[in-house]
């Protein structure tokens, strides 16, 4: 058995590979979204606050 065959067999996980790897991908995407979402929300909030401060001070 060659190295690529061994890797393929490992990745397929006795027929469960598609399920297992898809769960890993979905989990990774969810973690990225959970990490990025608050950062973007904070930036939007800071921009809104800054614009309101500018409006109130007449700048």
C-alpha atoms as a PDB file:
ATOM      1  CA  UNK A   1       0.000   0.000   0.000  1.00  0.00           C
ATOM      2  CA  UNK A   2       1.360   3.406  -0.925  1.00  0.00           C
ATOM      3  CA  UNK A   3       1.385   6.475   1.268  1.00  0.00           C
ATOM      4  CA  UNK A   4      -1.433   8.105  -0.699  1.00  0.00           C
ATOM      5  CA  UNK A   5      -3.582   4.978  -0.294  1.00  0.00           C
ATOM      6  CA  UNK A   6      -2.970   4.997   3.449  1.00  0.00           C
ATOM      7  CA  UNK A   7      -3.887   8.679   3.634  1.00  0.00           C
ATOM      8  CA  UNK A   8      -7.048   8.083   1.612  1.00  0.00           C
ATOM      9  CA  UNK A   9      -8.098   5.212   3.862  1.00  0.00           C
ATOM     10  CA  UNK A  10      -7.412   7.325   6.946  1.00  0.00           C
ATOM     11  CA  UNK A  11      -9.366  10.284   5.555  1.00  0.00           C
ATOM     12  CA  UNK A  12     -12.354   8.127   4.601  1.00  0.00           C
ATOM     13  CA  UNK A  13     -12.573   6.733   8.158  1.00  0.00           C
ATOM     14  CA  UNK A  14     -14.252   3.464   7.202  1.00  0.00           C
ATOM     15  CA  UNK A  15     -16.941   5.239   5.183  1.00  0.00           C
ATOM     16  CA  UNK A  16     -17.679   7.930   7.761  1.00  0.00           C
ATOM     17  CA  UNK A  17     -15.154  10.443   6.444  1.00  0.00           C
ATOM     18  CA  UNK A  18     -17.626  12.601   4.537  1.00  0.00           C
ATOM     19  CA  UNK A  19     -19.732  13.085   7.667  1.00  0.00           C
ATOM     20  CA  UNK A  20     -16.771  13.644   9.976  1.00  0.00           C
ATOM     21  CA  UNK A  21     -14.955  16.112   7.714  1.00  0.00           C
ATOM     22  CA  UNK A  22     -18.135  18.037   6.929  1.00  0.00           C
ATOM     23  CA  UNK A  23     -18.752  18.463  10.667  1.00  0.00           C
ATOM     24  CA  UNK A  24     -15.194  19.742  11.105  1.00  0.00           C
ATOM     25  CA  UNK A  25     -15.688  22.267   8.287  1.00  0.00           C
ATOM     26  CA  UNK A  26     -19.045  23.447   9.635  1.00  0.00           C
ATOM     27  CA  UNK A  27     -17.565  23.810  13.122  1.00  0.00           C
ATOM     28  CA  UNK A  28     -14.582  25.782  11.835  1.00  0.00           C
ATOM     29  CA  UNK A  29     -16.863  28.125   9.880  1.00  0.00           C
ATOM     30  CA  UNK A  30     -19.074  28.605  12.943  1.00  0.00           C
ATOM     31  CA  UNK A  31     -16.058  29.449  15.108  1.00  0.00           C
ATOM     32  CA  UNK A  32     -14.834  32.012  12.574  1.00  0.00           C
ATOM     33  CA  UNK A  33     -18.281  33.616  12.400  1.00  0.00           C
ATOM     34  CA  UNK A  34     -18.551  33.690  16.193  1.00  0.00           C
ATOM     35  CA  UNK A  35     -15.147  35.355  16.340  1.00  0.00           C
ATOM     36  CA  UNK A  36     -15.670  37.889  13.559  1.00  0.00           C
ATOM     37  CA  UNK A  37     -19.263  38.899  14.283  1.00  0.00           C
ATOM     38  CA  UNK A  38     -18.595  40.790  17.559  1.00  0.00           C
ATOM     39  CA  UNK A  39     -15.585  42.576  16.069  1.00  0.00           C
ATOM     40  CA  UNK A  40     -17.649  43.850  13.141  1.00  0.00           C
ATOM     41  CA  UNK A  41     -20.512  44.813  15.457  1.00  0.00           C
ATOM     42  CA  UNK A  42     -18.122  46.781  17.658  1.00  0.00           C
ATOM     43  CA  UNK A  43     -16.726  48.635  14.643  1.00  0.00           C
ATOM     44  CA  UNK A  44     -20.233  49.541  13.462  1.00  0.00           C
ATOM     45  CA  UNK A  45     -21.186  50.697  16.946  1.00  0.00           C
ATOM     46  CA  UNK A  46     -18.035  52.815  17.276  1.00  0.00           C
ATOM     47  CA  UNK A  47     -18.735  54.411  13.885  1.00  0.00           C
ATOM     48  CA  UNK A  48     -22.318  55.240  14.915  1.00  0.00           C
ATOM     49  CA  UNK A  49     -21.202  56.686  18.237  1.00  0.00           C
ATOM     50  CA  UNK A  50     -18.486  58.738  16.571  1.00  0.00           C
ATOM     51  CA  UNK A  51     -20.914  60.124  13.990  1.00  0.00           C
ATOM     52  CA  UNK A  52     -23.406  61.066  16.713  1.00  0.00           C
ATOM     53  CA  UNK A  53     -20.689  62.773  18.727  1.00  0.00           C
ATOM     54  CA  UNK A  54     -19.643  64.685  15.607  1.00  0.00           C
ATOM     55  CA  UNK A  55     -23.273  65.726  15.000  1.00  0.00           C
ATOM     56  CA  UNK A  56     -23.725  66.873  18.592  1.00  0.00           C
ATOM     57  CA  UNK A  57     -20.493  68.883  18.648  1.00  0.00           C
ATOM     58  CA  UNK A  58     -21.093  70.350  15.211  1.00  0.00           C
ATOM     59  CA  UNK A  59     -17.837  69.020  13.770  1.00  0.00           C
END
